[in-house]
Amino acid sequence: MSATVIVGRQGRVVIPAEVRAALDLHAGDRLTLRVEKGRVVLERPADAVEGLRALGRGLPEGRSLVEELLAERREAADAE
């Protein structure tokens, strides 16, 4: 599905009714906006969280990205 929208004077964009219906969006729903490779992406916060969880599912059991990051930071600090 695609739709053409117009950016208003104050930067507002209206999501067309058919898109809102297809995505089950309602007044007051919160969406996260980000720019990704020159595109605007809108998603529900819960969908963003699920996407992050999906990234972690492929990691081997017992691997800790937090520990790896901390180790990298310690090495960088020691090198300074």
C-alpha atoms as a PDB file:
ATOM      1  CA  MET A   1       0.000   0.000   0.000  1.00  0.00           C
ATOM      2  CA  SER A   2       1.223   3.481  -0.730  1.00  0.00           C
ATOM      3  CA  ALA A   3      -0.245   6.951  -0.455  1.00  0.00           C
ATOM      4  CA  THR A   4       0.820  10.453  -1.340  1.00  0.00           C
ATOM      5  CA  VAL A   5       0.734  13.016   1.457  1.00  0.00           C
ATOM      6  CA  ILE A   6       1.490  16.724   1.601  1.00  0.00           C
ATOM      7  CA  VAL A   7       3.623  18.388   4.246  1.00  0.00           C
ATOM      8  CA  GLY A   8       1.708  21.347   5.683  1.00  0.00           C
ATOM      9  CA  ARG A   9       3.133  24.735   6.620  1.00  0.00           C
ATOM     10  CA  GLN A  10       3.870  23.646  10.179  1.00  0.00           C
ATOM     11  CA  GLY A  11       5.427  20.371   9.040  1.00  0.00           C
ATOM     12  CA  ARG A  12       2.317  18.321   9.706  1.00  0.00           C
ATOM     13  CA  VAL A  13       1.524  15.236   7.673  1.00  0.00           C
ATOM     14  CA  VAL A  14      -1.880  13.554   7.696  1.00  0.00           C
ATOM     15  CA  ILE A  15      -1.879   9.757   7.480  1.00  0.00           C
ATOM     16  CA  PRO A  16      -4.662   8.851   5.031  1.00  0.00           C
ATOM     17  CA  ALA A  17      -7.714   7.050   6.452  1.00  0.00           C
ATOM     18  CA  GLU A  18      -7.119   3.873   4.421  1.00  0.00           C
ATOM     19  CA  VAL A  19      -3.571   3.593   5.775  1.00  0.00           C
ATOM     20  CA  ARG A  20      -4.744   4.215   9.355  1.00  0.00           C
ATOM     21  CA  ALA A  21      -7.402   1.526   8.917  1.00  0.00           C
ATOM     22  CA  ALA A  22      -4.942  -0.977   7.448  1.00  0.00           C
ATOM     23  CA  LEU A  23      -2.572  -0.409  10.368  1.00  0.00           C
ATOM     24  CA  ASP A  24      -5.344  -0.144  12.979  1.00  0.00           C
ATOM     25  CA  LEU A  25      -4.118   3.308  14.030  1.00  0.00           C
ATOM     26  CA  HIS A  26      -6.354   5.497  16.165  1.00  0.00           C
ATOM     27  CA  ALA A  27      -6.308   9.060  17.487  1.00  0.00           C
ATOM     28  CA  GLY A  28      -3.878   9.259  20.395  1.00  0.00           C
ATOM     29  CA  ASP A  29      -1.725   6.307  19.280  1.00  0.00           C
ATOM     30  CA  ARG A  30       1.973   7.020  19.677  1.00  0.00           C
ATOM     31  CA  LEU A  31       4.370   6.422  16.835  1.00  0.00           C
ATOM     32  CA  THR A  32       8.150   6.628  16.738  1.00  0.00           C
ATOM     33  CA  LEU A  33       9.623   8.511  13.783  1.00  0.00           C
ATOM     34  CA  ARG A  34      13.144   7.919  12.528  1.00  0.00           C
ATOM     35  CA  VAL A  35      15.093   8.587   9.368  1.00  0.00           C
ATOM     36  CA  GLU A  36      16.592   5.464   7.852  1.00  0.00           C
ATOM     37  CA  LYS A  37      18.667   5.652   4.660  1.00  0.00           C
ATOM     38  CA  GLY A  38      16.951   8.869   3.625  1.00  0.00           C
ATOM     39  CA  ARG A  39      13.448   7.548   4.344  1.00  0.00           C
ATOM     40  CA  VAL A  40      10.997   8.479   7.060  1.00  0.00           C
ATOM     41  CA  VAL A  41       9.886   5.457   9.088  1.00  0.00           C
ATOM     42  CA  LEU A  42       6.946   5.570  11.497  1.00  0.00           C
ATOM     43  CA  GLU A  43       6.308   2.639  13.816  1.00  0.00           C
ATOM     44  CA  ARG A  44       4.616   1.823  17.065  1.00  0.00           C
ATOM     45  CA  PRO A  45       7.048   1.686  20.006  1.00  0.00           C
ATOM     46  CA  ALA A  46       6.029  -1.939  20.669  1.00  0.00           C
ATOM     47  CA  ASP A  47       6.924  -2.860  17.071  1.00  0.00           C
ATOM     48  CA  ALA A  48      10.320  -1.194  17.469  1.00  0.00           C
ATOM     49  CA  VAL A  49      10.968  -3.174  20.650  1.00  0.00           C
ATOM     50  CA  GLU A  50       9.975  -6.410  18.909  1.00  0.00           C
ATOM     51  CA  GLY A  51      12.399  -5.597  16.105  1.00  0.00           C
ATOM     52  CA  LEU A  52      15.227  -5.207  18.612  1.00  0.00           C
ATOM     53  CA  ARG A  53      14.298  -8.471  20.304  1.00  0.00           C
ATOM     54  CA  ALA A  54      14.342 -10.220  16.939  1.00  0.00           C
ATOM     55  CA  LEU A  55      17.926  -9.031  16.417  1.00  0.00           C
ATOM     56  CA  GLY A  56      18.969 -10.660  19.674  1.00  0.00           C
ATOM     57  CA  ARG A  57      17.286 -13.990  18.952  1.00  0.00           C
ATOM     58  CA  GLY A  58      20.081 -15.006  16.600  1.00  0.00           C
ATOM     59  CA  LEU A  59      22.776 -14.651  19.260  1.00  0.00           C
ATOM     60  CA  PRO A  60      24.312 -17.775  20.746  1.00  0.00           C
ATOM     61  CA  GLU A  61      23.179 -18.677  24.285  1.00  0.00           C
ATOM     62  CA  GLY A  62      25.409 -17.072  26.902  1.00  0.00           C
ATOM     63  CA  ARG A  63      26.806 -14.326  24.661  1.00  0.00           C
ATOM     64  CA  SER A  64      26.471 -10.910  26.265  1.00  0.00           C
ATOM     65  CA  LEU A  65      26.632  -7.893  23.990  1.00  0.00           C
ATOM     66  CA  VAL A  66      26.695  -5.681  27.076  1.00  0.00           C
ATOM     67  CA  GLU A  67      29.826  -7.407  28.368  1.00  0.00           C
ATOM     68  CA  GLU A  68      31.438  -7.153  24.923  1.00  0.00           C
ATOM     69  CA  LEU A  69      30.677  -3.436  24.745  1.00  0.00           C
ATOM     70  CA  LEU A  70      32.047  -2.846  28.244  1.00  0.00           C
ATOM     71  CA  ALA A  71      35.222  -4.749  27.353  1.00  0.00           C
ATOM     72  CA  GLU A  72      35.668  -2.625  24.219  1.00  0.00           C
ATOM     73  CA  ARG A  73      35.167   0.565  26.232  1.00  0.00           C
ATOM     74  CA  ARG A  74      37.712  -0.567  28.842  1.00  0.00           C
ATOM     75  CA  GLU A  75      40.264  -1.320  26.105  1.00  0.00           C
ATOM     76  CA  ALA A  76      39.684   2.098  24.535  1.00  0.00           C
ATOM     77  CA  ALA A  77      40.056   3.820  27.916  1.00  0.00           C
ATOM     78  CA  ASP A  78      43.263   1.906  28.636  1.00  0.00           C
ATOM     79  CA  ALA A  79      44.660   2.904  25.232  1.00  0.00           C
ATOM     80  CA  GLU A  80      44.168   6.629  25.953  1.00  0.00           C
END
